[in-house]
Amino acid sequence: MSLFGSRGVQSDQLANVPEETSISAAAPKQAPQYSHVESLDAREYVNATRFADIAGKAKGGIFSRNYKALINSLKRYNVLMQTAELSSSEKIEATDAIKQQAVSFLQRKLKESGNKADKYEQDVSGINNNKFIHQQWKNAKKKALKSQFASDNRRIESRIQGTLNLIDGLNQVGDDLAREVRTAKYQKLTGVDMSMSLFVPEYESEAEHDIASGNMSSIDRVTYQGGREFAFKKSCIYNDVSLIGANSGIPDDPAESNFAGRAVASSGLCQALGMDFVPTTNYAVHGDSGGTVQQFVHGTPAIKMGHVPDLLSRSAETALEVIFNPMHGIGVGTKPGPDGKSLDLQSVLAGRSDKEKKTIVKDLMDSGQLWLTKPGMVGWAEVDFANPVMQERLANAHIFDLLSGQVDRTLDDILFEKTDQGYVPRGVDNDISFGSDFKDFSKATLDRIHSPNIPKNLPALIDVKTANKVLAMTPQKLRECLKDGHLNPEELDAAVGRLKALQSHIRDIQSGKIANGRIVSRWDENTFRQMQSHRDNYVHRFLEAFASREMLGSPKFTELVVQDLEARNGQLFAQFLPLIDQSDLSRIFKNDSENGAILVNAIQQHRPDLYEEYIVDVL
């Protein structure tokens, strides 16, 4: 156990070791100050010869045996620390042992200094009070006492100061050795040198566990010294890469999958392109796990998912199974009782036969006190996809994902962070990328990867600044910005292949070979209409998701649309309405008419133009 900090006494075991100690000859109660080593490097004092130069020579006799023992132990320690076979842990143990011996010696010297000061005062007092001794003899005796006390003081002061220096040096040596042990551990956990990293446990101030889940790992929010928040994702240890990840060439073997490296490489690429889509990502150790930290995004998905009532399922058997064995995506909801508490179903059904359980559950479902739930839309972010800045940012996000070989960019992996400039899209969960078999954007390659999260066609609209950056990037520059990801040669070659394919596509747009293709210098209503109506971009992906049957079938759909109409004049609704299938529109408004025509009335009131263009023909 360390008894001293690097700069001072820190242990209650040394409560009697002040940094200012009174032992001077002229004034025994007001002595010179003892100080810890001010130099950043006190290791020079961890040497028997250097220690003796400061602490002084040993006196003869038994009174010097503790000092001699300390010097001899320090000599053996100096030799031992040069032994190559000694591990860092063994060196730490040896350092702690010699430090404990030095602390014990220091305590003895401090006690001795106090005793000598007390005896000096007593002897002088005794001489002064002895009326039988002539004044001349008194003065001579006091002078001799003072001389002896001064001599003893100098020796003790040297011992104390030398030992303080030694302890400071041993603390630095111990800190260095402990850092070596930690660094070796961290490197084993992450696979990279973490000696200069700030993203390690000793720099954390607090942590919140399991705040979200990634593809194959949970997410912890970690706050580091200084108040910076990051999301920690543990390196995947499962022998199970997603099928689309495997199809793109990401190994199944955890020793080779390098998910953390792929996330770090994604961050490096994004910075090289001058984008802020991917938050800064670094290797990290949190607890006993290696992984990555990504600057925390205080954002929300465009579509907020949750559990909604499944109005079509009335199966008591399914409900019973879910109550006792929760299923992925399926749950149960209950109506609160008079006390406001939800029904404790397991207690209600405890001790009942299977037949009785089924009867009870069926009765609860029939009376509306119990229902099955399914994943569904419970809210949405108020994102304006027609906003020119949003168009540009999502277009850039698409280019980034193509170049990084991202094959699993679900819409939940793009969070919208609210800033003074409006919502800003941020890409999280970036580790299913840089597969070695994703070398181009040909139909054959995309069909083999078979990802629903990659638009089948390359974008016809590309921002001019991004196009210029992609064209200016050389294979060497690309490899350089990916170096921290430690990708293998095949993965780097595949990234160069994607770069060349994307550069070729940009040149085809510039030469007019791509239908409706344009290098965009100004995003506006016209670019939005083109993106809205073509399935080659991320704006369309989001609007198509809002218009999907899964979203339209949510019990919250009417409520959310009415809120959008009332609060924002139907801004978002107007953007995805053209993408809703006619048969789905007909079904929506048929259900609406059976439930009071709440939706159609709100549309007529706030957006009669939408009613005339899209609604009236399906009523």
Foldseek 3Di string as FASTA:
>chain_A
DQQAALFGGDHPVVVVPDQQAAQALVGRRHHDGAGADPDPALLVLLALVNLCVQLDDADDDPVRPLVVVLSVLSNVLVVVVVDPVDALVNNLVSLVVSLVSLSVVLVVLRVVSVVLSVVLVVVLVVLVPPPVDDPVVSVVVNVVSSVVSNVVSSNSSSNNNSSSSNNSSSNVVSVVSVLVVVQVLQCVQAVDGCSPPCQEVVFWDDKAWQPDAFPAFGWMWTAGPVGFIWIWTFQHCALDDPLLLVLLAQHSHSVRNLLQLLLQLLQLVCVLLVHCQAAHKDWHDDDSHTHMIGRDFPFFFQFDKDKFFPVVDLDLVVQVCCLVPNDVFKHKDFDADPVRHQDPLCVVCPPHDPVVSSVVSNVCVVVVGMTMIGMATDAGDPDQCLPFVNVQQQLVVLVSCLLFAQQAQDSRQWTWHQDPVGTHTHGPNRRSTLRLNQQALDQVSCVSSVGPPAQNDADLEHEQSSLVSLLPDDLVNSCVSSVSSVHDPSSSNSSNSSSVNVNVVSVCLVVVNDVVHDHDHTRHNVNLVVPCPDRNTDSVVVLLVCQDPRHLPGPCNLVRQLCCCVPPVSSSVVSNVVVHDLVSLLVSQVVCVVVPVSRVVSCCVRPVVCCVPRNPVSD
